[in-house]
Amino acid sequence: MPGTVISPVEVVQVSRFGIWLAVDTDEHFLDYKYFPWFRKAAIDEICEVEMLIPGHFFWPKLDIDLDIDCILNPGSYPLIST
């Protein structure tokens, strides 16, 4: 029997390809191809994530914020540098 969920969002795995983010009962893969900011980040920077409002996530040590649609449909949000 699973335990009580104490955090609505948690990084559950970091690999050489990307990170796995657990949100409530779902897991989402953030591929470094689409989310390159996490590739060279330290584990403690990646693992400190907050859900500001439902479906909106913030990594304070990296100053990164993403919403669930960007995570689910990364191809719809091309990386643009200005």
Protein backbone atom coordinates (compact mmCIF):
# COMPACT_ATOMS: atom_id res chain seq x y z
CA MET A 1 0.00 0.00 0.00
CA PRO A 2 1.52 3.35 -1.01
CA GLY A 3 2.23 5.99 1.58
CA THR A 4 0.71 9.43 1.83
CA VAL A 5 1.82 11.91 -0.81
CA ILE A 6 3.51 14.77 1.01
CA SER A 7 4.53 16.78 -2.05
CA PRO A 8 2.42 17.31 -5.16
CA VAL A 9 5.60 17.50 -7.29
CA GLU A 10 8.94 15.71 -7.03
CA VAL A 11 11.89 14.88 -9.25
CA VAL A 12 12.09 11.10 -9.00
CA GLN A 13 14.94 10.34 -11.40
CA VAL A 14 17.77 12.11 -13.18
CA SER A 15 19.46 10.36 -16.09
CA ARG A 16 21.87 11.28 -18.86
CA PHE A 17 18.83 11.76 -21.14
CA GLY A 18 16.56 13.87 -18.94
CA ILE A 19 14.62 14.00 -15.71
CA TRP A 20 11.42 12.34 -14.48
CA LEU A 21 8.98 14.60 -12.70
CA ALA A 22 6.22 13.06 -10.54
CA VAL A 23 3.13 15.26 -10.34
CA ASP A 24 0.42 13.89 -8.07
CA THR A 25 -0.11 10.39 -9.55
CA ASP A 26 1.47 11.08 -12.98
CA GLU A 27 5.09 11.01 -14.13
CA HIS A 28 6.50 13.15 -16.94
CA PHE A 29 9.83 12.88 -18.74
CA LEU A 30 11.66 16.12 -19.45
CA ASP A 31 14.13 15.31 -22.22
CA TYR A 32 17.27 17.46 -22.25
CA LYS A 33 16.65 17.95 -25.99
CA TYR A 34 13.65 20.11 -25.10
CA PHE A 35 14.73 21.23 -21.63
CA PRO A 36 18.51 21.80 -21.95
CA TRP A 37 18.73 24.00 -18.83
CA PHE A 38 18.69 20.88 -16.65
CA ARG A 39 21.55 19.06 -18.45
CA LYS A 40 24.46 20.68 -16.60
CA ALA A 41 22.59 21.55 -13.39
CA ALA A 42 23.54 20.01 -10.07
CA ILE A 43 21.24 17.35 -8.62
CA ASP A 44 20.26 19.54 -5.66
CA GLU A 45 19.30 22.34 -8.08
CA ILE A 46 17.15 19.97 -10.15
CA CYS A 47 15.49 18.31 -7.17
CA GLU A 48 14.33 21.56 -5.58
CA VAL A 49 11.06 22.07 -7.43
CA GLU A 50 7.83 23.74 -6.32
CA MET A 51 4.31 23.74 -7.71
CA LEU A 52 3.32 27.41 -7.60
CA ILE A 53 -0.23 26.74 -8.76
CA PRO A 54 -1.66 23.51 -10.17
CA GLY A 55 0.18 22.73 -13.40
CA HIS A 56 2.91 25.38 -12.97
CA PHE A 57 6.35 24.37 -11.69
CA PHE A 58 9.32 26.43 -10.51
CA TRP A 59 12.95 25.51 -9.89
CA PRO A 60 14.16 28.41 -7.68
CA LYS A 61 17.87 27.56 -7.76
CA LEU A 62 17.78 27.50 -11.58
CA ASP A 63 15.21 30.28 -12.08
CA ILE A 64 13.20 28.01 -14.40
CA ASP A 65 9.43 27.91 -14.53
CA LEU A 66 7.40 25.60 -16.75
CA ASP A 67 3.74 24.82 -17.11
CA ILE A 68 2.29 21.38 -17.70
CA ASP A 69 1.39 22.09 -21.34
CA CYS A 70 5.03 22.89 -22.12
CA ILE A 71 6.05 19.58 -20.49
CA LEU A 72 3.38 17.55 -22.29
CA ASN A 73 3.90 19.24 -25.69
CA PRO A 74 7.51 20.45 -25.81
CA GLY A 75 7.54 20.55 -29.62
CA SER A 76 4.94 23.29 -29.51
CA TYR A 77 7.35 25.52 -27.57
CA PRO A 78 10.56 25.84 -29.59
CA LEU A 79 13.61 27.19 -27.82
CA ILE A 80 14.25 30.77 -28.88
CA SER A 81 17.21 32.85 -27.80
CA THR A 82 17.10 36.64 -27.94
